[in-house]
């Protein structure tokens, strides 16, 4: 029984360290997209939980609109009309991995 408890504690501590993204639910963002480099930055106004002033993304950014695959071009055109975002950020970094809206 002790071995089972120890094994469960080890597994839970390992899984906590394996998080591959930090997620934040946000009401507004400002998107700057540079088509020449397929990259850009995202600013989150008045964000008290943010570690950085801006977050970067590149062509690996996953964008989903209403649970369907979207594009960064679509997001950069209509970001100001959206009421709610979920942004996934690489831990200890300012790289955006995914945006759902």
Protein backbone atom coordinates (compact mmCIF):
# COMPACT_ATOMS: atom_id res chain seq x y z
CA UNK A 1 0.00 0.00 0.00
CA UNK A 2 2.83 2.40 0.83
CA UNK A 3 4.40 1.73 -2.55
CA UNK A 4 1.15 2.59 -4.30
CA UNK A 5 0.85 5.89 -2.43
CA UNK A 6 4.47 6.80 -3.18
CA UNK A 7 3.99 5.89 -6.84
CA UNK A 8 0.88 8.09 -7.06
CA UNK A 9 2.72 11.01 -5.45
CA UNK A 10 5.60 10.68 -7.90
CA UNK A 11 3.23 10.57 -10.88
CA UNK A 12 1.29 13.61 -9.72
CA UNK A 13 4.46 15.65 -9.20
CA UNK A 14 5.77 14.66 -12.65
CA UNK A 15 2.54 15.54 -14.41
CA UNK A 16 2.47 18.98 -12.79
CA UNK A 17 5.87 19.73 -14.31
CA UNK A 18 4.84 18.65 -17.80
CA UNK A 19 2.41 21.46 -18.58
CA UNK A 20 3.10 22.56 -22.12
CA UNK A 21 1.12 25.80 -22.12
CA UNK A 22 -0.18 28.48 -19.79
CA UNK A 23 -3.69 29.57 -20.72
CA UNK A 24 -5.32 32.91 -20.08
CA UNK A 25 -8.87 34.00 -20.76
CA UNK A 26 -8.79 37.55 -22.08
CA UNK A 27 -11.36 40.15 -23.10
CA UNK A 28 -9.27 42.16 -25.55
CA UNK A 29 -6.04 41.94 -27.50
CA UNK A 30 -4.19 44.03 -30.05
CA UNK A 31 -2.69 42.06 -32.94
CA UNK A 32 0.21 43.24 -35.10
CA UNK A 33 0.82 40.82 -37.98
CA UNK A 34 3.84 41.08 -40.29
CA UNK A 35 2.96 39.25 -43.49
CA UNK A 36 6.52 39.46 -44.84
CA UNK A 37 7.81 37.25 -42.00
CA UNK A 38 4.60 35.37 -41.12
CA UNK A 39 5.02 36.52 -37.54
CA UNK A 40 3.77 39.20 -35.21
CA UNK A 41 3.04 40.32 -31.70
CA UNK A 42 0.01 40.39 -29.45
CA UNK A 43 -0.49 43.04 -26.80
CA UNK A 44 -2.92 42.45 -23.95
CA UNK A 45 -4.12 45.80 -22.56
CA UNK A 46 -4.38 46.19 -18.78
CA UNK A 47 -3.29 42.61 -18.07
CA UNK A 48 -2.29 42.14 -14.45
CA UNK A 49 -1.51 38.42 -14.91
CA UNK A 50 0.82 38.93 -17.88
CA UNK A 51 4.53 38.36 -17.45
CA UNK A 52 5.44 40.38 -20.57
CA UNK A 53 4.32 43.61 -22.25
CA UNK A 54 3.77 41.75 -25.53
CA UNK A 55 3.72 38.18 -26.79
CA UNK A 56 5.23 36.94 -30.05
CA UNK A 57 3.89 34.42 -32.54
CA UNK A 58 5.08 32.87 -35.79
CA UNK A 59 3.64 30.68 -38.53
CA UNK A 60 3.22 27.78 -36.09
CA UNK A 61 0.44 29.67 -34.26
CA UNK A 62 -2.78 27.65 -34.09
CA UNK A 63 -5.90 29.79 -34.47
CA UNK A 64 -9.42 28.46 -33.90
CA UNK A 65 -12.62 30.42 -34.40
CA UNK A 66 -15.81 28.84 -33.08
CA UNK A 67 -13.97 25.50 -32.76
CA UNK A 68 -12.97 25.54 -36.43
CA UNK A 69 -9.50 26.08 -37.79
CA UNK A 70 -8.85 29.71 -38.59
CA UNK A 71 -5.92 31.76 -39.77
CA UNK A 72 -3.87 34.55 -38.31
CA UNK A 73 -4.91 36.74 -41.25
CA UNK A 74 -8.57 36.33 -40.25
CA UNK A 75 -7.75 37.09 -36.62
CA UNK A 76 -5.73 40.18 -37.53
CA UNK A 77 -8.71 41.53 -39.50
CA UNK A 78 -11.41 40.92 -36.89
CA UNK A 79 -9.69 40.83 -33.48
CA UNK A 80 -11.30 44.12 -32.46
CA UNK A 81 -14.83 42.65 -32.88
CA UNK A 82 -14.27 39.60 -30.67
CA UNK A 83 -15.50 39.65 -27.06
CA UNK A 84 -13.48 36.81 -25.57
CA UNK A 85 -10.21 34.96 -26.24
CA UNK A 86 -8.33 32.03 -24.79
CA UNK A 87 -4.60 32.48 -25.33
CA UNK A 88 -2.13 29.64 -24.75
CA UNK A 89 1.43 30.73 -24.01
CA UNK A 90 4.60 28.65 -23.82
CA UNK A 91 5.67 28.45 -20.14
CA UNK A 92 8.46 30.84 -19.10
CA UNK A 93 8.34 32.48 -22.50
CA UNK A 94 6.51 35.18 -24.42
CA UNK A 95 5.61 32.89 -27.34
CA UNK A 96 1.93 32.38 -28.13
CA UNK A 97 1.14 28.80 -29.15
CA UNK A 98 -2.65 28.93 -29.72
CA UNK A 99 -5.53 31.39 -29.75
CA UNK A 100 -9.16 30.33 -29.54
CA UNK A 101 -11.99 32.80 -30.06
